[in-house]
Amino acid sequence: RSSINEEKWSQIWSTSSIKSVEHIFPQKPEGNWDAWRSKIGRGIKTYPKHMHRLGNLLLITPSENSICGFKSFEKKRNIYKATKIRMMDEVIKKSDWDLKAIISREKKLIKWAKETWGD
């Protein structure tokens, strides 16, 4: 896998974060509730407190983000693979995306940020 190329980087940063921040667990899972049921809690009312967590977010081009939508994790994983962005590797390796995966990734990202930028 290669580093993010300049064209993708430009697409990500030249637009609103609303269009370039991908929610792995989708913002509107009810659009495909069967694929996302019970992944981060019981019932449709439990997901809002977890979907915006750092561990659930990815930078992605706006066009790729719109393709992802509320597809199942398996289908999103295939889209992430096609991006050839190295930061996707950790997510792509997962067989499922649930609260445990979100928390684990969040802890790693926070640790990386502290080590890279200091407290």
C-alpha atoms as a PDB file:
ATOM      1  CA  ARG A   1       0.000   0.000   0.000  1.00  0.00           C
ATOM      2  CA  SER A   2       1.253   3.421  -0.794  1.00  0.00           C
ATOM      3  CA  SER A   3       1.178   6.682   1.058  1.00  0.00           C
ATOM      4  CA  ILE A   4      -1.778   8.882   0.348  1.00  0.00           C
ATOM      5  CA  ASN A   5      -1.228  10.592  -2.976  1.00  0.00           C
ATOM      6  CA  GLU A   6      -1.401  14.351  -3.359  1.00  0.00           C
ATOM      7  CA  GLU A   7      -4.605  14.249  -5.410  1.00  0.00           C
ATOM      8  CA  LYS A   8      -6.518  12.325  -2.720  1.00  0.00           C
ATOM      9  CA  TRP A   9      -5.022  14.511   0.008  1.00  0.00           C
ATOM     10  CA  SER A  10      -6.185  17.602  -1.841  1.00  0.00           C
ATOM     11  CA  GLN A  11      -9.695  16.175  -2.273  1.00  0.00           C
ATOM     12  CA  ILE A  12      -9.914  15.383   1.439  1.00  0.00           C
ATOM     13  CA  TRP A  13      -8.712  18.776   2.698  1.00  0.00           C
ATOM     14  CA  SER A  14     -10.303  21.028   0.082  1.00  0.00           C
ATOM     15  CA  THR A  15     -13.848  20.277   1.155  1.00  0.00           C
ATOM     16  CA  SER A  16     -15.968  20.420   4.283  1.00  0.00           C
ATOM     17  CA  SER A  17     -15.230  17.777   6.890  1.00  0.00           C
ATOM     18  CA  ILE A  18     -18.857  16.721   6.583  1.00  0.00           C
ATOM     19  CA  LYS A  19     -17.966  15.299   3.183  1.00  0.00           C
ATOM     20  CA  SER A  20     -14.517  13.863   3.973  1.00  0.00           C
ATOM     21  CA  VAL A  21     -15.002  12.260   7.392  1.00  0.00           C
ATOM     22  CA  GLU A  22     -16.293   8.726   7.016  1.00  0.00           C
ATOM     23  CA  HIS A  23     -18.197   7.142   9.886  1.00  0.00           C
ATOM     24  CA  ILE A  24     -17.365   3.440   9.732  1.00  0.00           C
ATOM     25  CA  PHE A  25     -20.424   2.683  11.840  1.00  0.00           C
ATOM     26  CA  PRO A  26     -22.759   4.927   9.825  1.00  0.00           C
ATOM     27  CA  GLN A  27     -24.502   8.049  11.022  1.00  0.00           C
ATOM     28  CA  LYS A  28     -27.820   6.635   9.798  1.00  0.00           C
ATOM     29  CA  PRO A  29     -27.582   2.870  10.339  1.00  0.00           C
ATOM     30  CA  GLU A  30     -31.356   2.538  10.151  1.00  0.00           C
ATOM     31  CA  GLY A  31     -30.891   2.726   6.372  1.00  0.00           C
ATOM     32  CA  ASN A  32     -29.354  -0.769   6.616  1.00  0.00           C
ATOM     33  CA  TRP A  33     -30.317  -1.780  10.137  1.00  0.00           C
ATOM     34  CA  ASP A  34     -29.983  -5.524   9.522  1.00  0.00           C
ATOM     35  CA  ALA A  35     -26.264  -5.085   8.761  1.00  0.00           C
ATOM     36  CA  TRP A  36     -25.589  -2.872  11.804  1.00  0.00           C
ATOM     37  CA  ARG A  37     -27.992  -4.197  14.463  1.00  0.00           C
ATOM     38  CA  SER A  38     -26.350  -4.808  17.859  1.00  0.00           C
ATOM     39  CA  LYS A  39     -22.869  -3.708  16.724  1.00  0.00           C
ATOM     40  CA  ILE A  40     -22.490  -0.908  19.286  1.00  0.00           C
ATOM     41  CA  GLY A  41     -25.315  -1.504  21.706  1.00  0.00           C
ATOM     42  CA  ARG A  42     -28.837  -2.724  21.968  1.00  0.00           C
ATOM     43  CA  GLY A  43     -31.416  -1.022  19.864  1.00  0.00           C
ATOM     44  CA  ILE A  44     -31.439   1.852  17.470  1.00  0.00           C
ATOM     45  CA  LYS A  45     -31.286   4.486  20.235  1.00  0.00           C
ATOM     46  CA  THR A  46     -27.852   3.446  21.574  1.00  0.00           C
ATOM     47  CA  TYR A  47     -25.674   4.235  18.570  1.00  0.00           C
ATOM     48  CA  PRO A  48     -25.630   8.084  18.640  1.00  0.00           C
ATOM     49  CA  LYS A  49     -23.260   8.226  21.622  1.00  0.00           C
ATOM     50  CA  HIS A  50     -20.667   6.072  19.838  1.00  0.00           C
ATOM     51  CA  MET A  51     -20.839   6.912  16.126  1.00  0.00           C
ATOM     52  CA  HIS A  52     -18.850  10.171  16.422  1.00  0.00           C
ATOM     53  CA  ARG A  53     -16.065   8.630  18.506  1.00  0.00           C
ATOM     54  CA  LEU A  54     -12.558   9.159  17.139  1.00  0.00           C
ATOM     55  CA  GLY A  55     -12.082   5.417  16.645  1.00  0.00           C
ATOM     56  CA  ASN A  56     -15.067   5.281  14.302  1.00  0.00           C
ATOM     57  CA  LEU A  57     -13.860   8.021  11.953  1.00  0.00           C
ATOM     58  CA  LEU A  58     -11.706   7.915   8.807  1.00  0.00           C
ATOM     59  CA  LEU A  59     -10.501  10.577   6.396  1.00  0.00           C
ATOM     60  CA  ILE A  60     -11.624   9.695   2.907  1.00  0.00           C
ATOM     61  CA  THR A  61     -12.360  11.556  -0.305  1.00  0.00           C
ATOM     62  CA  PRO A  62     -15.878  12.977  -0.555  1.00  0.00           C
ATOM     63  CA  SER A  63     -16.724  10.726  -3.509  1.00  0.00           C
ATOM     64  CA  GLU A  64     -15.593   7.601  -1.637  1.00  0.00           C
ATOM     65  CA  ASN A  65     -17.472   8.772   1.451  1.00  0.00           C
ATOM     66  CA  SER A  66     -20.711   9.119  -0.478  1.00  0.00           C
ATOM     67  CA  ILE A  67     -20.279   5.618  -1.907  1.00  0.00           C
ATOM     68  CA  CYS A  68     -19.858   4.161   1.610  1.00  0.00           C
ATOM     69  CA  GLY A  69     -23.111   5.549   3.003  1.00  0.00           C
ATOM     70  CA  PHE A  70     -24.717   3.051   5.338  1.00  0.00           C
ATOM     71  CA  LYS A  71     -23.455  -0.059   3.562  1.00  0.00           C
ATOM     72  CA  SER A  72     -22.482  -3.087   5.636  1.00  0.00           C
ATOM     73  CA  PHE A  73     -18.984  -3.209   7.080  1.00  0.00           C
ATOM     74  CA  GLU A  74     -18.013  -5.913   4.594  1.00  0.00           C
ATOM     75  CA  LYS A  75     -18.936  -3.677   1.658  1.00  0.00           C
ATOM     76  CA  LYS A  76     -17.290  -0.623   3.230  1.00  0.00           C
ATOM     77  CA  ARG A  77     -14.115  -2.655   3.762  1.00  0.00           C
ATOM     78  CA  ASN A  78     -13.947  -3.337   0.027  1.00  0.00           C
ATOM     79  CA  ILE A  79     -14.306   0.397  -0.676  1.00  0.00           C
ATOM     80  CA  TYR A  80     -11.555   1.168   1.867  1.00  0.00           C
ATOM     81  CA  LYS A  81      -9.256  -1.405   0.203  1.00  0.00           C
ATOM     82  CA  ALA A  82      -9.745   0.291  -3.156  1.00  0.00           C
ATOM     83  CA  THR A  83      -8.653   3.673  -1.741  1.00  0.00           C
ATOM     84  CA  LYS A  84      -5.108   2.381  -1.243  1.00  0.00           C
ATOM     85  CA  ILE A  85      -4.697   4.718   1.721  1.00  0.00           C
ATOM     86  CA  ARG A  86      -2.391   3.213   4.338  1.00  0.00           C
ATOM     87  CA  MET A  87      -4.421   4.472   7.315  1.00  0.00           C
ATOM     88  CA  MET A  88      -7.207   2.109   6.221  1.00  0.00           C
ATOM     89  CA  ASP A  89      -5.078  -1.006   6.822  1.00  0.00           C
ATOM     90  CA  GLU A  90      -5.990  -1.404  10.480  1.00  0.00           C
ATOM     91  CA  VAL A  91      -9.711  -1.158   9.729  1.00  0.00           C
ATOM     92  CA  ILE A  92      -9.517  -3.423   6.675  1.00  0.00           C
ATOM     93  CA  LYS A  93      -7.946  -6.188   8.780  1.00  0.00           C
ATOM     94  CA  LYS A  94     -11.009  -6.345  11.037  1.00  0.00           C
ATOM     95  CA  SER A  95     -13.581  -9.045  10.335  1.00  0.00           C
ATOM     96  CA  ASP A  96     -16.341  -6.990  11.943  1.00  0.00           C
ATOM     97  CA  TRP A  97     -16.887  -3.441  13.158  1.00  0.00           C
ATOM     98  CA  ASP A  98     -18.390  -3.131  16.629  1.00  0.00           C
ATOM     99  CA  LEU A  99     -17.955  -1.121  19.823  1.00  0.00           C
ATOM    100  CA  LYS A 100     -14.886  -3.138  20.820  1.00  0.00           C
ATOM    101  CA  ALA A 101     -13.206  -2.281  17.491  1.00  0.00           C
ATOM    102  CA  ILE A 102     -14.107   1.405  17.857  1.00  0.00           C
ATOM    103  CA  ILE A 103     -12.683   1.614  21.395  1.00  0.00           C
ATOM    104  CA  SER A 104      -9.529  -0.291  20.453  1.00  0.00           C
ATOM    105  CA  ARG A 105      -8.830   1.959  17.462  1.00  0.00           C
ATOM    106  CA  GLU A 106      -9.603   5.079  19.495  1.00  0.00           C
ATOM    107  CA  LYS A 107      -7.055   4.103  22.163  1.00  0.00           C
ATOM    108  CA  LYS A 108      -4.397   3.509  19.496  1.00  0.00           C
ATOM    109  CA  LEU A 109      -5.093   6.856  17.839  1.00  0.00           C
ATOM    110  CA  ILE A 110      -4.936   8.725  21.139  1.00  0.00           C
ATOM    111  CA  LYS A 111      -1.686   6.970  22.062  1.00  0.00           C
ATOM    112  CA  TRP A 112      -0.208   7.832  18.658  1.00  0.00           C
ATOM    113  CA  ALA A 113      -1.276  11.497  18.992  1.00  0.00           C
ATOM    114  CA  LYS A 114       0.275  11.806  22.457  1.00  0.00           C
ATOM    115  CA  GLU A 115       3.525  10.198  21.312  1.00  0.00           C
ATOM    116  CA  THR A 116       3.651  12.287  18.143  1.00  0.00           C
ATOM    117  CA  TRP A 117       2.527  15.671  19.435  1.00  0.00           C
ATOM    118  CA  GLY A 118       3.146  15.354  23.181  1.00  0.00           C
ATOM    119  CA  ASP A 119       0.667  15.853  26.008  1.00  0.00           C
END
